[in-house]
Amino acid sequence: MKPKMRRVGIIRVKEVSVFKLDPDNGNPQATTVIVYPGYYPAYSYRGLFWWYLNGDLNERYYIDGDHETPHQPMGLGVQFLSPKYSARQLLALEADPAWSAKFELRFDLSEEVA
């Protein structure tokens, strides 16, 4: 049986960004990933949306938990999922100028919002 998840478009990352490897991990020292500018596929399933990212593990938290160390790639590439968003949350993100300066969504939500 095929999964009901479907590709709905892309997200453009406009500048180097840092994401948690596990978006559900609330620990401030959680492993993070440096994601580079580019286009990444976006998916939808059961009214939720997310994108599939890749980048390099961030060395920052591996140096004695030093939060002041600048972000530094470890050279180990990983693939991971972004946090999951409802259609309304995505619309709110797109309306946020700070978010829109770093990211651009390219897909049609009208079918999912209706």
C-alpha atoms as a PDB file:
ATOM      1  CA  MET A   1       0.000   0.000   0.000  1.00  0.00           C
ATOM      2  CA  LYS A   2       1.344   3.423  -0.953  1.00  0.00           C
ATOM      3  CA  PRO A   3       1.714   6.021   1.793  1.00  0.00           C
ATOM      4  CA  LYS A   4      -0.815   8.843   1.664  1.00  0.00           C
ATOM      5  CA  MET A   5       1.931  11.397   2.179  1.00  0.00           C
ATOM      6  CA  ARG A   6       2.339  13.562  -0.902  1.00  0.00           C
ATOM      7  CA  ARG A   7       4.876  16.029  -2.161  1.00  0.00           C
ATOM      8  CA  VAL A   8       3.240  19.445  -2.350  1.00  0.00           C
ATOM      9  CA  GLY A   9       6.086  21.740  -3.386  1.00  0.00           C
ATOM     10  CA  ILE A  10       9.335  23.133  -2.063  1.00  0.00           C
ATOM     11  CA  ILE A  11      10.773  25.432   0.537  1.00  0.00           C
ATOM     12  CA  ARG A  12      13.631  27.703  -0.384  1.00  0.00           C
ATOM     13  CA  VAL A  13      16.175  28.306   2.357  1.00  0.00           C
ATOM     14  CA  LYS A  14      17.661  31.723   1.507  1.00  0.00           C
ATOM     15  CA  GLU A  15      20.501  31.809   4.026  1.00  0.00           C
ATOM     16  CA  VAL A  16      22.438  29.426   6.248  1.00  0.00           C
ATOM     17  CA  SER A  17      20.065  28.336   9.019  1.00  0.00           C
ATOM     18  CA  VAL A  18      20.257  26.120  12.085  1.00  0.00           C
ATOM     19  CA  PHE A  19      17.532  23.572  12.895  1.00  0.00           C
ATOM     20  CA  LYS A  20      17.178  20.976  15.637  1.00  0.00           C
ATOM     21  CA  LEU A  21      17.885  17.498  14.323  1.00  0.00           C
ATOM     22  CA  ASP A  22      14.796  16.338  16.245  1.00  0.00           C
ATOM     23  CA  PRO A  23      12.261  19.187  16.124  1.00  0.00           C
ATOM     24  CA  ASP A  24      10.266  17.649  18.992  1.00  0.00           C
ATOM     25  CA  ASN A  25      13.240  17.737  21.383  1.00  0.00           C
ATOM     26  CA  GLY A  26      12.714  20.600  23.839  1.00  0.00           C
ATOM     27  CA  ASN A  27      16.228  20.377  25.302  1.00  0.00           C
ATOM     28  CA  PRO A  28      18.158  23.630  24.624  1.00  0.00           C
ATOM     29  CA  GLN A  29      21.303  21.520  24.153  1.00  0.00           C
ATOM     30  CA  ALA A  30      19.664  19.268  21.540  1.00  0.00           C
ATOM     31  CA  THR A  31      21.730  18.348  18.505  1.00  0.00           C
ATOM     32  CA  THR A  32      21.405  20.908  15.729  1.00  0.00           C
ATOM     33  CA  VAL A  33      22.086  20.875  12.009  1.00  0.00           C
ATOM     34  CA  ILE A  34      23.465  23.608   9.772  1.00  0.00           C
ATOM     35  CA  VAL A  35      21.297  23.844   6.647  1.00  0.00           C
ATOM     36  CA  TYR A  36      22.627  25.615   3.579  1.00  0.00           C
ATOM     37  CA  PRO A  37      20.717  27.760   1.085  1.00  0.00           C
ATOM     38  CA  GLY A  38      18.831  25.752  -1.493  1.00  0.00           C
ATOM     39  CA  TYR A  39      15.539  24.137  -2.383  1.00  0.00           C
ATOM     40  CA  TYR A  40      14.102  21.309  -0.296  1.00  0.00           C
ATOM     41  CA  PRO A  41      10.982  19.170  -0.939  1.00  0.00           C
ATOM     42  CA  ALA A  42       7.814  19.891   1.051  1.00  0.00           C
ATOM     43  CA  TYR A  43       5.268  17.220   1.973  1.00  0.00           C
ATOM     44  CA  SER A  44       1.757  16.978   3.363  1.00  0.00           C
ATOM     45  CA  TYR A  45      -0.061  14.246   5.261  1.00  0.00           C
ATOM     46  CA  ARG A  46      -3.304  14.428   7.243  1.00  0.00           C
ATOM     47  CA  GLY A  47      -3.427  18.228   7.168  1.00  0.00           C
ATOM     48  CA  LEU A  48       0.155  18.734   8.319  1.00  0.00           C
ATOM     49  CA  PHE A  49       3.075  20.089   6.290  1.00  0.00           C
ATOM     50  CA  TRP A  50       6.841  19.718   6.636  1.00  0.00           C
ATOM     51  CA  TRP A  51       9.981  19.704   4.525  1.00  0.00           C
ATOM     52  CA  TYR A  52      12.824  17.263   4.161  1.00  0.00           C
ATOM     53  CA  LEU A  53      16.136  18.994   4.852  1.00  0.00           C
ATOM     54  CA  ASN A  54      19.779  18.042   4.705  1.00  0.00           C
ATOM     55  CA  GLY A  55      22.845  19.654   6.186  1.00  0.00           C
ATOM     56  CA  ASP A  56      25.832  19.119   8.464  1.00  0.00           C
ATOM     57  CA  LEU A  57      25.755  18.296  12.161  1.00  0.00           C
ATOM     58  CA  ASN A  58      26.630  21.397  14.138  1.00  0.00           C
ATOM     59  CA  GLU A  59      29.771  21.122  16.278  1.00  0.00           C
ATOM     60  CA  ARG A  60      28.609  23.910  18.586  1.00  0.00           C
ATOM     61  CA  TYR A  61      27.138  21.702  21.319  1.00  0.00           C
ATOM     62  CA  TYR A  62      29.831  19.054  21.144  1.00  0.00           C
ATOM     63  CA  ILE A  63      32.454  21.340  22.655  1.00  0.00           C
ATOM     64  CA  ASP A  64      31.751  20.978  26.386  1.00  0.00           C
ATOM     65  CA  GLY A  65      28.199  22.301  25.915  1.00  0.00           C
ATOM     66  CA  ASP A  66      29.635  25.757  25.172  1.00  0.00           C
ATOM     67  CA  HIS A  67      26.710  27.803  23.895  1.00  0.00           C
ATOM     68  CA  GLU A  68      28.999  30.652  22.853  1.00  0.00           C
ATOM     69  CA  THR A  69      30.915  28.632  20.266  1.00  0.00           C
ATOM     70  CA  PRO A  70      29.967  29.768  16.749  1.00  0.00           C
ATOM     71  CA  HIS A  71      28.079  27.325  14.569  1.00  0.00           C
ATOM     72  CA  GLN A  72      30.606  25.027  12.923  1.00  0.00           C
ATOM     73  CA  PRO A  73      29.874  22.075  10.613  1.00  0.00           C
ATOM     74  CA  MET A  74      31.312  18.756  11.790  1.00  0.00           C
ATOM     75  CA  GLY A  75      31.512  17.365   8.258  1.00  0.00           C
ATOM     76  CA  LEU A  76      28.876  14.713   8.908  1.00  0.00           C
ATOM     77  CA  GLY A  77      25.886  15.114   6.617  1.00  0.00           C
ATOM     78  CA  VAL A  78      22.391  14.257   7.820  1.00  0.00           C
ATOM     79  CA  GLN A  79      18.851  14.296   6.432  1.00  0.00           C
ATOM     80  CA  PHE A  80      15.918  15.128   8.694  1.00  0.00           C
ATOM     81  CA  LEU A  81      12.383  16.494   8.836  1.00  0.00           C
ATOM     82  CA  SER A  82      11.412  20.017   9.801  1.00  0.00           C
ATOM     83  CA  PRO A  83       8.789  20.638  12.456  1.00  0.00           C
ATOM     84  CA  LYS A  84       5.258  19.830  11.288  1.00  0.00           C
ATOM     85  CA  TYR A  85       2.854  22.719  10.662  1.00  0.00           C
ATOM     86  CA  SER A  86      -0.860  23.070  10.010  1.00  0.00           C
ATOM     87  CA  ALA A  87      -1.901  25.082   6.953  1.00  0.00           C
ATOM     88  CA  ARG A  88      -2.878  27.980   9.186  1.00  0.00           C
ATOM     89  CA  GLN A  89       0.504  27.907  10.935  1.00  0.00           C
ATOM     90  CA  LEU A  90       2.231  28.020   7.531  1.00  0.00           C
ATOM     91  CA  LEU A  91       0.167  31.016   6.496  1.00  0.00           C
ATOM     92  CA  ALA A  92       1.176  32.739   9.739  1.00  0.00           C
ATOM     93  CA  LEU A  93       4.855  31.917   9.107  1.00  0.00           C
ATOM     94  CA  GLU A  94       4.673  33.364   5.609  1.00  0.00           C
ATOM     95  CA  ALA A  95       3.156  36.566   7.016  1.00  0.00           C
ATOM     96  CA  ASP A  96       6.084  36.977   9.442  1.00  0.00           C
ATOM     97  CA  PRO A  97       8.688  39.290   7.813  1.00  0.00           C
ATOM     98  CA  ALA A  98      11.572  37.770   9.824  1.00  0.00           C
ATOM     99  CA  TRP A  99      10.663  34.247   8.680  1.00  0.00           C
ATOM    100  CA  SER A 100      10.015  35.325   5.089  1.00  0.00           C
ATOM    101  CA  ALA A 101      13.453  36.932   4.920  1.00  0.00           C
ATOM    102  CA  LYS A 102      15.047  33.491   5.454  1.00  0.00           C
ATOM    103  CA  PHE A 103      12.548  31.111   3.819  1.00  0.00           C
ATOM    104  CA  GLU A 104      10.160  30.973   0.894  1.00  0.00           C
ATOM    105  CA  LEU A 105       7.385  28.420   0.455  1.00  0.00           C
ATOM    106  CA  ARG A 106       6.384  27.413  -3.052  1.00  0.00           C
ATOM    107  CA  PHE A 107       3.199  25.401  -3.002  1.00  0.00           C
ATOM    108  CA  ASP A 108      -0.546  25.882  -3.080  1.00  0.00           C
ATOM    109  CA  LEU A 109      -2.303  25.495   0.265  1.00  0.00           C
ATOM    110  CA  SER A 110      -5.777  26.362  -1.025  1.00  0.00           C
ATOM    111  CA  GLU A 111      -6.797  22.703  -1.387  1.00  0.00           C
ATOM    112  CA  GLU A 112      -5.650  21.852   2.140  1.00  0.00           C
ATOM    113  CA  VAL A 113      -7.171  24.941   3.797  1.00  0.00           C
ATOM    114  CA  ALA A 114     -10.632  24.472   2.284  1.00  0.00           C
END
